[in-house]
PDB file of N, CA and C in Angstrom:
ATOM      1  N   MET A   1      82.919 113.528 -13.768  1.00  0.00           N
ATOM      2  CA  MET A   1      82.774 114.728 -14.522  1.00  0.00           C
ATOM      3  C   MET A   1      81.732 114.613 -15.590  1.00  0.00           C
ATOM      4  N   GLY A   2      80.610 115.449 -16.064  1.00  0.00           N
ATOM      5  CA  GLY A   2      80.066 114.628 -17.205  1.00  0.00           C
ATOM      6  C   GLY A   2      80.068 116.249 -18.234  1.00  0.00           C
ATOM      7  N   SER A   3      79.298 115.757 -19.418  1.00  0.00           N
ATOM      8  CA  SER A   3      79.204 116.662 -20.377  1.00  0.00           C
ATOM      9  C   SER A   3      78.625 118.110 -19.901  1.00  0.00           C
ATOM     10  N   GLN A   4      79.304 118.977 -21.133  1.00  0.00           N
ATOM     11  CA  GLN A   4      79.286 120.438 -20.479  1.00  0.00           C
ATOM     12  C   GLN A   4      77.231 120.895 -20.449  1.00  0.00           C
ATOM     13  N   ASP A   5      76.146 119.952 -21.338  1.00  0.00           N
ATOM     14  CA  ASP A   5      74.868 119.857 -21.003  1.00  0.00           C
ATOM     15  C   ASP A   5      74.973 119.630 -19.554  1.00  0.00           C
ATOM     16  N   ASP A   6      75.223 118.201 -19.043  1.00  0.00           N
ATOM     17  CA  ASP A   6      74.917 118.025 -17.691  1.00  0.00           C
ATOM     18  C   ASP A   6      75.123 119.130 -16.786  1.00  0.00           C
ATOM     19  N   ASN A   7      76.317 120.011 -16.995  1.00  0.00           N
ATOM     20  CA  ASN A   7      76.771 120.821 -16.082  1.00  0.00           C
ATOM     21  C   ASN A   7      75.794 122.038 -16.070  1.00  0.00           C
ATOM     22  N   LEU A   8      75.221 122.322 -17.120  1.00  0.00           N
ATOM     23  CA  LEU A   8      74.086 123.674 -17.064  1.00  0.00           C
ATOM     24  C   LEU A   8      72.468 122.945 -16.689  1.00  0.00           C
ATOM     25  N   GLN A   9      72.462 121.851 -16.536  1.00  0.00           N
ATOM     26  CA  GLN A   9      71.381 121.494 -15.895  1.00  0.00           C
ATOM     27  C   GLN A   9      71.446 121.259 -14.234  1.00  0.00           C
ATOM     28  N   MET A  10      72.439 121.605 -13.602  1.00  0.00           N
ATOM     29  CA  MET A  10      72.693 121.559 -12.057  1.00  0.00           C
ATOM     30  C   MET A  10      72.621 122.895 -11.499  1.00  0.00           C
ATOM     31  N   PRO A  11      71.953 123.420 -10.608  1.00  0.00           N
ATOM     32  CA  PRO A  11      71.931 124.741 -10.416  1.00  0.00           C
ATOM     33  C   PRO A  11      73.621 125.331  -9.871  1.00  0.00           C
ATOM     34  N   THR A  12      73.769 126.702  -9.944  1.00  0.00           N
ATOM     35  CA  THR A  12      75.294 126.753  -9.714  1.00  0.00           C
ATOM     36  C   THR A  12      75.484 126.631  -7.938  1.00  0.00           C
ATOM     37  N   HIS A  13      74.463 126.988  -7.369  1.00  0.00           N
ATOM     38  CA  HIS A  13      74.771 126.761  -5.779  1.00  0.00           C
ATOM     39  C   HIS A  13      74.921 125.496  -5.654  1.00  0.00           C
ATOM     40  N   GLU A  14      74.276 124.370  -6.425  1.00  0.00           N
ATOM     41  CA  GLU A  14      74.506 122.789  -5.975  1.00  0.00           C
ATOM     42  C   GLU A  14      75.907 122.335  -6.880  1.00  0.00           C
ATOM     43  N   ARG A  15      76.223 122.599  -7.876  1.00  0.00           N
ATOM     44  CA  ARG A  15      77.458 122.440  -7.833  1.00  0.00           C
ATOM     45  C   ARG A  15      79.013 122.981  -7.036  1.00  0.00           C
ATOM     46  N   ILE A  16      78.359 124.292  -6.503  1.00  0.00           N
ATOM     47  CA  ILE A  16      79.300 124.658  -5.678  1.00  0.00           C
ATOM     48  C   ILE A  16      79.363 124.108  -4.231  1.00  0.00           C
ATOM     49  N   GLY A  17      78.117 123.691  -3.686  1.00  0.00           N
ATOM     50  CA  GLY A  17      77.886 122.737  -2.773  1.00  0.00           C
ATOM     51  C   GLY A  17      78.574 121.339  -2.853  1.00  0.00           C
ATOM     52  N   SER A  18      78.625 120.415  -3.904  1.00  0.00           N
ATOM     53  CA  SER A  18      79.211 119.503  -4.401  1.00  0.00           C
ATOM     54  C   SER A  18      80.315 119.537  -4.166  1.00  0.00           C
ATOM     55  N   MET A  19      81.288 120.484  -4.704  1.00  0.00           N
ATOM     56  CA  MET A  19      82.778 120.873  -4.958  1.00  0.00           C
ATOM     57  C   MET A  19      83.051 121.100  -3.475  1.00  0.00           C
ATOM     58  N   ALA A  20      82.539 121.725  -2.866  1.00  0.00           N
ATOM     59  CA  ALA A  20      82.512 121.939  -1.233  1.00  0.00           C
ATOM     60  C   ALA A  20      82.965 120.605  -0.618  1.00  0.00           C
ATOM     61  N   THR A  21      81.779 119.625  -0.445  1.00  0.00           N
ATOM     62  CA  THR A  21      81.662 118.834   0.105  1.00  0.00           C
ATOM     63  C   THR A  21      83.009 117.720  -0.476  1.00  0.00           C
ATOM     64  N   ALA A  22      83.298 117.675  -1.726  1.00  0.00           N
ATOM     65  CA  ALA A  22      84.133 116.793  -2.318  1.00  0.00           C
ATOM     66  C   ALA A  22      85.695 117.242  -1.589  1.00  0.00           C
ATOM     67  N   LYS A  23      85.831 118.615  -1.527  1.00  0.00           N
ATOM     68  CA  LYS A  23      87.056 118.973  -1.095  1.00  0.00           C
ATOM     69  C   LYS A  23      87.170 118.953   0.505  1.00  0.00           C
ATOM     70  N   ALA A  24      86.208 118.504   1.048  1.00  0.00           N
ATOM     71  CA  ALA A  24      86.157 118.622   2.327  1.00  0.00           C
ATOM     72  C   ALA A  24      86.457 117.053   2.960  1.00  0.00           C
ATOM     73  N   SER A  25      86.020 116.247   1.602  1.00  0.00           N
ATOM     74  CA  SER A  25      86.342 114.539   2.018  1.00  0.00           C
ATOM     75  C   SER A  25      87.454 114.108   1.723  1.00  0.00           C
ATOM     76  N   ALA A  26      87.951 115.016   0.703  1.00  0.00           N
ATOM     77  CA  ALA A  26      89.793 114.869   0.045  1.00  0.00           C
ATOM     78  C   ALA A  26      90.543 115.505   1.571  1.00  0.00           C
ATOM     79  N   LYS A  27      90.188 116.499   1.868  1.00  0.00           N
ATOM     80  CA  LYS A  27      91.288 116.826   3.113  1.00  0.00           C
ATOM     81  C   LYS A  27      90.949 115.976   4.427  1.00  0.00           C
ATOM     82  N   ARG A  28      90.104 115.386   4.444  1.00  0.00           N
ATOM     83  CA  ARG A  28      89.638 114.502   5.660  1.00  0.00           C
ATOM     84  C   ARG A  28      90.746 113.340   5.272  1.00  0.00           C
ATOM     85  N   LEU A  29      90.375 112.844   4.257  1.00  0.00           N
ATOM     86  CA  LEU A  29      91.387 111.668   3.652  1.00  0.00           C
ATOM     87  C   LEU A  29      92.813 111.940   3.531  1.00  0.00           C
ATOM     88  N   HIS A  30      93.420 113.085   3.085  1.00  0.00           N
ATOM     89  CA  HIS A  30      94.582 113.402   3.263  1.00  0.00           C
ATOM     90  C   HIS A  30      95.115 113.226   4.693  1.00  0.00           C
ATOM     91  N   ALA A  31      94.422 113.905   5.469  1.00  0.00           N
ATOM     92  CA  ALA A  31      94.706 114.096   6.849  1.00  0.00           C
ATOM     93  C   ALA A  31      95.082 112.538   7.367  1.00  0.00           C
ATOM     94  N   GLU A  32      94.151 111.747   7.108  1.00  0.00           N
ATOM     95  CA  GLU A  32      94.129 110.379   7.529  1.00  0.00           C
ATOM     96  C   GLU A  32      95.422 109.404   7.114  1.00  0.00           C
ATOM     97  N   GLY A  33      96.198 110.127   5.937  1.00  0.00           N
ATOM     98  CA  GLY A  33      97.226 109.721   5.392  1.00  0.00           C
ATOM     99  C   GLY A  33      97.072 108.974   4.318  1.00  0.00           C
ATOM    100  N   SER A  34      95.547 109.292   3.426  1.00  0.00           N
ATOM    101  CA  SER A  34      94.982 108.193   2.416  1.00  0.00           C
ATOM    102  C   SER A  34      94.668 109.110   1.105  1.00  0.00           C
ATOM    103  N   ASP A  35      94.915 108.625  -0.076  1.00  0.00           N
ATOM    104  CA  ASP A  35      94.099 109.528  -0.912  1.00  0.00           C
ATOM    105  C   ASP A  35      93.113 108.966  -1.704  1.00  0.00           C
ATOM    106  N   ALA A  36      92.344 107.801  -1.240  1.00  0.00           N
ATOM    107  CA  ALA A  36      91.039 107.577  -1.246  1.00  0.00           C
ATOM    108  C   ALA A  36      90.764 106.708  -0.290  1.00  0.00           C
ATOM    109  N   SER A  37      89.378 106.635  -0.106  1.00  0.00           N
ATOM    110  CA  SER A  37      88.463 105.809   0.757  1.00  0.00           C
ATOM    111  C   SER A  37      88.836 104.355   0.329  1.00  0.00           C
ATOM    112  N   GLU A  38      88.571 103.475   1.425  1.00  0.00           N
ATOM    113  CA  GLU A  38      88.807 101.831   1.523  1.00  0.00           C
ATOM    114  C   GLU A  38      87.888 101.240   0.200  1.00  0.00           C
ATOM    115  N   LEU A  39      86.502 101.790   0.197  1.00  0.00           N
ATOM    116  CA  LEU A  39      86.056 101.574  -0.892  1.00  0.00           C
ATOM    117  C   LEU A  39      86.199 101.677  -2.127  1.00  0.00           C
ATOM    118  N   GLY A  40      86.662 103.255  -2.277  1.00  0.00           N
ATOM    119  CA  GLY A  40      87.157 103.501  -3.503  1.00  0.00           C
ATOM    120  C   GLY A  40      88.226 102.739  -3.770  1.00  0.00           C
ATOM    121  N   GLN A  41      89.334 102.273  -3.104  1.00  0.00           N
ATOM    122  CA  GLN A  41      90.834 101.715  -3.185  1.00  0.00           C
ATOM    123  C   GLN A  41      90.539 100.339  -4.019  1.00  0.00           C
ATOM    124  N   ARG A  42      89.026  99.827  -3.595  1.00  0.00           N
ATOM    125  CA  ARG A  42      89.004  98.334  -4.076  1.00  0.00           C
ATOM    126  C   ARG A  42      87.973  98.620  -5.284  1.00  0.00           C
ATOM    127  N   HIS A  43      87.645  99.820  -5.216  1.00  0.00           N
ATOM    128  CA  HIS A  43      86.455  99.761  -6.983  1.00  0.00           C
ATOM    129  C   HIS A  43      87.282 100.933  -7.611  1.00  0.00           C
ATOM    130  N   SER A  44      87.646 100.772  -8.829  1.00  0.00           N
ATOM    131  CA  SER A  44      88.099 101.630  -9.533  1.00  0.00           C
ATOM    132  C   SER A  44      88.363 101.550 -10.641  1.00  0.00           C
ATOM    133  N   VAL A  45      88.183 102.539 -11.678  1.00  0.00           N
ATOM    134  CA  VAL A  45      88.171 102.301 -13.223  1.00  0.00           C
ATOM    135  C   VAL A  45      89.614 102.378 -13.742  1.00  0.00           C
ATOM    136  N   PRO A  46      90.139 101.398 -14.647  1.00  0.00           N
ATOM    137  CA  PRO A  46      91.594 101.503 -14.976  1.00  0.00           C
ATOM    138  C   PRO A  46      91.566 103.053 -15.471  1.00  0.00           C
ATOM    139  N   LEU A  47      92.563 103.711 -15.230  1.00  0.00           N
ATOM    140  CA  LEU A  47      93.350 104.585 -15.799  1.00  0.00           C
ATOM    141  C   LEU A  47      92.917 105.043 -16.910  1.00  0.00           C
ATOM    142  N   ASP A  48      93.704 103.993 -17.888  1.00  0.00           N
ATOM    143  CA  ASP A  48      93.891 104.206 -19.340  1.00  0.00           C
ATOM    144  C   ASP A  48      92.091 104.054 -19.826  1.00  0.00           C
ATOM    145  N   GLU A  49      91.218 103.312 -19.160  1.00  0.00           N
ATOM    146  CA  GLU A  49      89.812 103.237 -19.483  1.00  0.00           C
ATOM    147  C   GLU A  49      88.973 104.825 -19.409  1.00  0.00           C
ATOM    148  N   ALA A  50      89.581 105.442 -18.188  1.00  0.00           N
ATOM    149  CA  ALA A  50      89.213 106.482 -17.739  1.00  0.00           C
ATOM    150  C   ALA A  50      89.337 107.363 -19.051  1.00  0.00           C
ATOM    151  N   ARG A  51      90.567 107.528 -19.490  1.00  0.00           N
ATOM    152  CA  ARG A  51      91.644 108.434 -20.121  1.00  0.00           C
ATOM    153  C   ARG A  51      90.734 108.365 -21.830  1.00  0.00           C
ATOM    154  N   SER A  52      90.528 106.884 -21.983  1.00  0.00           N
ATOM    155  CA  SER A  52      89.808 106.780 -23.479  1.00  0.00           C
ATOM    156  C   SER A  52      88.303 107.211 -23.522  1.00  0.00           C
ATOM    157  N   ILE A  53      87.481 107.153 -22.049  1.00  0.00           N
ATOM    158  CA  ILE A  53      86.304 107.736 -21.856  1.00  0.00           C
ATOM    159  C   ILE A  53      86.271 109.209 -22.237  1.00  0.00           C
ATOM    160  N   ILE A  54      87.445 110.149 -21.501  1.00  0.00           N
ATOM    161  CA  ILE A  54      86.745 111.630 -21.814  1.00  0.00           C
ATOM    162  C   ILE A  54      87.779 112.051 -23.343  1.00  0.00           C
ATOM    163  N   GLU A  55      88.291 110.989 -24.068  1.00  0.00           N
ATOM    164  CA  GLU A  55      88.823 111.197 -25.351  1.00  0.00           C
ATOM    165  C   GLU A  55      87.810 112.124 -26.299  1.00  0.00           C
ATOM    166  N   GLN A  56      86.551 111.797 -26.292  1.00  0.00           N
ATOM    167  CA  GLN A  56      85.573 112.155 -27.122  1.00  0.00           C
ATOM    168  C   GLN A  56      84.814 113.431 -26.590  1.00  0.00           C
ATOM    169  N   TRP A  57      85.175 113.777 -25.585  1.00  0.00           N
ATOM    170  CA  TRP A  57      84.544 115.241 -24.777  1.00  0.00           C
ATOM    171  C   TRP A  57      84.476 116.456 -25.053  1.00  0.00           C
ATOM    172  N   PRO A  58      84.232 117.076 -25.291  1.00  0.00           N
ATOM    173  CA  PRO A  58      84.321 118.611 -25.769  1.00  0.00           C
ATOM    174  C   PRO A  58      85.701 119.233 -24.795  1.00  0.00           C
ATOM    175  N   GLU A  59      86.514 120.060 -25.486  1.00  0.00           N
ATOM    176  CA  GLU A  59      87.711 120.572 -25.120  1.00  0.00           C
ATOM    177  C   GLU A  59      87.746 121.114 -23.580  1.00  0.00           C
ATOM    178  N   ALA A  60      86.481 121.892 -22.997  1.00  0.00           N
ATOM    179  CA  ALA A  60      86.528 122.232 -21.658  1.00  0.00           C
ATOM    180  C   ALA A  60      86.656 121.123 -20.384  1.00  0.00           C
ATOM    181  N   PRO A  61      85.565 120.191 -20.645  1.00  0.00           N
ATOM    182  CA  PRO A  61      85.389 119.287 -19.506  1.00  0.00           C
ATOM    183  C   PRO A  61      86.625 118.241 -19.611  1.00  0.00           C
ATOM    184  N   LYS A  62      87.043 118.006 -20.787  1.00  0.00           N
ATOM    185  CA  LYS A  62      88.533 117.071 -21.415  1.00  0.00           C
ATOM    186  C   LYS A  62      89.503 117.480 -20.581  1.00  0.00           C
ATOM    187  N   LYS A  63      89.684 118.749 -20.591  1.00  0.00           N
ATOM    188  CA  LYS A  63      90.687 119.578 -19.715  1.00  0.00           C
ATOM    189  C   LYS A  63      90.913 119.256 -18.196  1.00  0.00           C
ATOM    190  N   THR A  64      89.396 119.737 -17.829  1.00  0.00           N
ATOM    191  CA  THR A  64      89.239 119.631 -16.420  1.00  0.00           C
ATOM    192  C   THR A  64      89.430 118.146 -16.162  1.00  0.00           C
ATOM    193  N   ALA A  65      88.799 116.735 -16.675  1.00  0.00           N
ATOM    194  CA  ALA A  65      89.132 115.863 -16.431  1.00  0.00           C
ATOM    195  C   ALA A  65      90.362 115.164 -16.462  1.00  0.00           C
ATOM    196  N   GLU A  66      91.287 115.605 -17.256  1.00  0.00           N
ATOM    197  CA  GLU A  66      92.435 115.306 -17.398  1.00  0.00           C
ATOM    198  C   GLU A  66      93.390 115.723 -16.004  1.00  0.00           C
ATOM    199  N   LYS A  67      93.068 116.891 -15.662  1.00  0.00           N
ATOM    200  CA  LYS A  67      93.441 117.460 -14.185  1.00  0.00           C
ATOM    201  C   LYS A  67      92.933 116.584 -13.285  1.00  0.00           C
ATOM    202  N   ILE A  68      91.909 116.374 -13.382  1.00  0.00           N
ATOM    203  CA  ILE A  68      91.486 115.642 -12.023  1.00  0.00           C
ATOM    204  C   ILE A  68      91.985 114.224 -11.931  1.00  0.00           C
ATOM    205  N   LEU A  69      92.419 113.701 -13.358  1.00  0.00           N
ATOM    206  CA  LEU A  69      92.809 112.379 -13.124  1.00  0.00           C
ATOM    207  C   LEU A  69      94.202 112.111 -12.921  1.00  0.00           C
ATOM    208  N   ASP A  70      94.870 113.585 -13.281  1.00  0.00           N
ATOM    209  CA  ASP A  70      96.521 113.448 -13.032  1.00  0.00           C
ATOM    210  C   ASP A  70      96.531 113.535 -11.477  1.00  0.00           C
ATOM    211  N   HIS A  71      95.612 114.244 -10.777  1.00  0.00           N
ATOM    212  CA  HIS A  71      95.470 114.562  -9.253  1.00  0.00           C
ATOM    213  C   HIS A  71      95.121 113.547  -8.499  1.00  0.00           C
ATOM    214  N   TYR A  72      94.011 113.152  -8.919  1.00  0.00           N
ATOM    215  CA  TYR A  72      93.259 111.990  -7.935  1.00  0.00           C
ATOM    216  C   TYR A  72      93.427 110.668  -8.339  1.00  0.00           C
ATOM    217  N   GLY A  73      93.795 110.407  -9.437  1.00  0.00           N
ATOM    218  CA  GLY A  73      93.923 109.134  -9.841  1.00  0.00           C
ATOM    219  C   GLY A  73      92.896 108.590 -10.913  1.00  0.00           C
ATOM    220  N   PRO A  74      92.672 107.392 -11.159  1.00  0.00           N
ATOM    221  CA  PRO A  74      91.505 106.820 -11.488  1.00  0.00           C
ATOM    222  C   PRO A  74      90.069 107.015 -10.805  1.00  0.00           C
ATOM    223  N   PRO A  75      88.843 107.136 -11.558  1.00  0.00           N
ATOM    224  CA  PRO A  75      87.821 107.261 -10.922  1.00  0.00           C
ATOM    225  C   PRO A  75      87.224 106.000 -10.439  1.00  0.00           C
ATOM    226  N   ASN A  76      86.353 105.973  -9.294  1.00  0.00           N
ATOM    227  CA  ASN A  76      85.630 104.480  -8.657  1.00  0.00           C
ATOM    228  C   ASN A  76      84.407 104.244 -10.121  1.00  0.00           C
ATOM    229  N   GLU A  77      83.982 104.935 -10.688  1.00  0.00           N
ATOM    230  CA  GLU A  77      82.928 104.753 -11.393  1.00  0.00           C
ATOM    231  C   GLU A  77      82.793 105.424 -12.721  1.00  0.00           C
ATOM    232  N   SER A  78      82.657 105.256 -13.853  1.00  0.00           N
ATOM    233  CA  SER A  78      82.581 105.716 -15.078  1.00  0.00           C
ATOM    234  C   SER A  78      81.155 105.431 -16.006  1.00  0.00           C
ATOM    235  N   THR A  79      80.641 106.180 -16.663  1.00  0.00           N
ATOM    236  CA  THR A  79      79.977 106.056 -17.812  1.00  0.00           C
ATOM    237  C   THR A  79      80.666 106.791 -19.239  1.00  0.00           C
ATOM    238  N   PRO A  80      79.577 106.587 -20.168  1.00  0.00           N
ATOM    239  CA  PRO A  80      80.587 107.502 -21.225  1.00  0.00           C
ATOM    240  C   PRO A  80      80.579 108.815 -21.043  1.00  0.00           C
ATOM    241  N   THR A  81      79.639 109.843 -20.391  1.00  0.00           N
ATOM    242  CA  THR A  81      79.731 110.801 -20.125  1.00  0.00           C
ATOM    243  C   THR A  81      79.927 111.311 -18.773  1.00  0.00           C
ATOM    244  N   LYS A  82      80.267 110.671 -17.654  1.00  0.00           N
ATOM    245  CA  LYS A  82      80.484 111.057 -16.424  1.00  0.00           C
ATOM    246  C   LYS A  82      81.928 110.007 -15.622  1.00  0.00           C
ATOM    247  N   LEU A  83      82.511 110.705 -14.765  1.00  0.00           N
ATOM    248  CA  LEU A  83      83.490 109.923 -14.023  1.00  0.00           C
ATOM    249  C   LEU A  83      83.177 110.545 -12.709  1.00  0.00           C
ATOM    250  N   PHE A  84      82.962 109.223 -11.668  1.00  0.00           N
ATOM    251  CA  PHE A  84      82.907 109.266 -10.286  1.00  0.00           C
ATOM    252  C   PHE A  84      83.882 109.220  -9.634  1.00  0.00           C
ATOM    253  N   TRP A  85      84.329 110.074  -8.507  1.00  0.00           N
ATOM    254  CA  TRP A  85      85.197 109.201  -7.295  1.00  0.00           C
ATOM    255  C   TRP A  85      84.579 109.211  -5.917  1.00  0.00           C
TER     256      TRP A  85
END
């Protein structure tokens, strides 16, 4: 997840395509009985660290990130403005 300004720089069709790819990947992992890839399970950001990162985000992306963290767990990577699963 990134800041609101980052989201505005990506065209809508690219955001929708990225979301569709992520959803298909999640469905595949779920069908395999997993909630994360093997690599993703080995490399993740501690949940409390991810929550600390989003604390300073604007309200809309922060709420979205909180929902994603609750559903998918900790991200694999993070920056001050983005979380990556």
